[in-house]
């Protein structure tokens, strides 16, 4: 999905649409980064709890 959005941001003939797709691409990347960070936090929390139990 992000590849298609990025292609539109680069190659769309309408400059306003390019800006829109660029903003959308940035938003999608930011949300994905948040998901990854939250997943790591959960994994670290689980790992810490397992170590404390053992």
C-alpha atoms as a PDB file:
ATOM      1  CA  UNK A   1       0.000   0.000   0.000  1.00  0.00           C
ATOM      2  CA  UNK A   2       2.683   2.499   0.906  1.00  0.00           C
ATOM      3  CA  UNK A   3       4.480   1.825  -2.375  1.00  0.00           C
ATOM      4  CA  UNK A   4       1.381   2.769  -4.392  1.00  0.00           C
ATOM      5  CA  UNK A   5       0.903   5.939  -2.348  1.00  0.00           C
ATOM      6  CA  UNK A   6       4.569   6.824  -2.797  1.00  0.00           C
ATOM      7  CA  UNK A   7       4.306   6.303  -6.565  1.00  0.00           C
ATOM      8  CA  UNK A   8       1.357   8.695  -6.672  1.00  0.00           C
ATOM      9  CA  UNK A   9       3.270  11.231  -4.581  1.00  0.00           C
ATOM     10  CA  UNK A  10       6.131  11.102  -7.064  1.00  0.00           C
ATOM     11  CA  UNK A  11       4.395  10.767 -10.411  1.00  0.00           C
ATOM     12  CA  UNK A  12       0.906  12.235 -10.225  1.00  0.00           C
ATOM     13  CA  UNK A  13       0.621  15.057 -12.774  1.00  0.00           C
ATOM     14  CA  UNK A  14      -1.498  17.196 -10.419  1.00  0.00           C
ATOM     15  CA  UNK A  15       0.758  19.019  -7.906  1.00  0.00           C
ATOM     16  CA  UNK A  16      -2.043  19.259  -5.329  1.00  0.00           C
ATOM     17  CA  UNK A  17      -2.606  15.510  -5.501  1.00  0.00           C
ATOM     18  CA  UNK A  18       1.149  14.923  -5.165  1.00  0.00           C
ATOM     19  CA  UNK A  19       1.095  16.957  -1.945  1.00  0.00           C
ATOM     20  CA  UNK A  20      -1.928  15.018  -0.733  1.00  0.00           C
ATOM     21  CA  UNK A  21      -0.322  11.640  -1.463  1.00  0.00           C
ATOM     22  CA  UNK A  22       2.944  12.774   0.120  1.00  0.00           C
ATOM     23  CA  UNK A  23       1.089  13.766   3.304  1.00  0.00           C
ATOM     24  CA  UNK A  24      -0.834  10.473   3.266  1.00  0.00           C
ATOM     25  CA  UNK A  25       2.391   8.510   2.805  1.00  0.00           C
ATOM     26  CA  UNK A  26       3.996  10.318   5.735  1.00  0.00           C
ATOM     27  CA  UNK A  27       0.923   9.640   7.889  1.00  0.00           C
ATOM     28  CA  UNK A  28       0.948   5.919   7.037  1.00  0.00           C
ATOM     29  CA  UNK A  29       4.659   5.654   7.827  1.00  0.00           C
ATOM     30  CA  UNK A  30       4.188   7.467  11.142  1.00  0.00           C
ATOM     31  CA  UNK A  31       1.336   5.132  12.133  1.00  0.00           C
ATOM     32  CA  UNK A  32       3.402   2.074  11.223  1.00  0.00           C
ATOM     33  CA  UNK A  33       6.300   3.393  13.277  1.00  0.00           C
ATOM     34  CA  UNK A  34       3.959   3.873  16.258  1.00  0.00           C
ATOM     35  CA  UNK A  35       2.761   0.268  15.882  1.00  0.00           C
ATOM     36  CA  UNK A  36       6.334  -1.044  15.844  1.00  0.00           C
ATOM     37  CA  UNK A  37       7.286   0.993  18.911  1.00  0.00           C
ATOM     38  CA  UNK A  38       4.197  -0.211  20.794  1.00  0.00           C
ATOM     39  CA  UNK A  39       4.896  -3.836  19.825  1.00  0.00           C
ATOM     40  CA  UNK A  40       8.431  -3.503  21.177  1.00  0.00           C
ATOM     41  CA  UNK A  41       7.134  -1.980  24.408  1.00  0.00           C
ATOM     42  CA  UNK A  42       4.742  -4.904  24.874  1.00  0.00           C
ATOM     43  CA  UNK A  43       7.471  -7.444  24.114  1.00  0.00           C
ATOM     44  CA  UNK A  44       9.834  -5.757  26.576  1.00  0.00           C
ATOM     45  CA  UNK A  45       7.125  -5.700  29.233  1.00  0.00           C
ATOM     46  CA  UNK A  46       6.396  -9.406  28.727  1.00  0.00           C
ATOM     47  CA  UNK A  47      10.112 -10.248  28.795  1.00  0.00           C
ATOM     48  CA  UNK A  48      10.629  -8.230  31.995  1.00  0.00           C
ATOM     49  CA  UNK A  49       7.667  -9.907  33.682  1.00  0.00           C
ATOM     50  CA  UNK A  50       8.913 -13.380  32.704  1.00  0.00           C
ATOM     51  CA  UNK A  51      12.345 -12.644  34.124  1.00  0.00           C
ATOM     52  CA  UNK A  52      10.837 -11.370  37.382  1.00  0.00           C
ATOM     53  CA  UNK A  53       8.756 -14.524  37.750  1.00  0.00           C
ATOM     54  CA  UNK A  54      11.726 -16.820  37.213  1.00  0.00           C
END
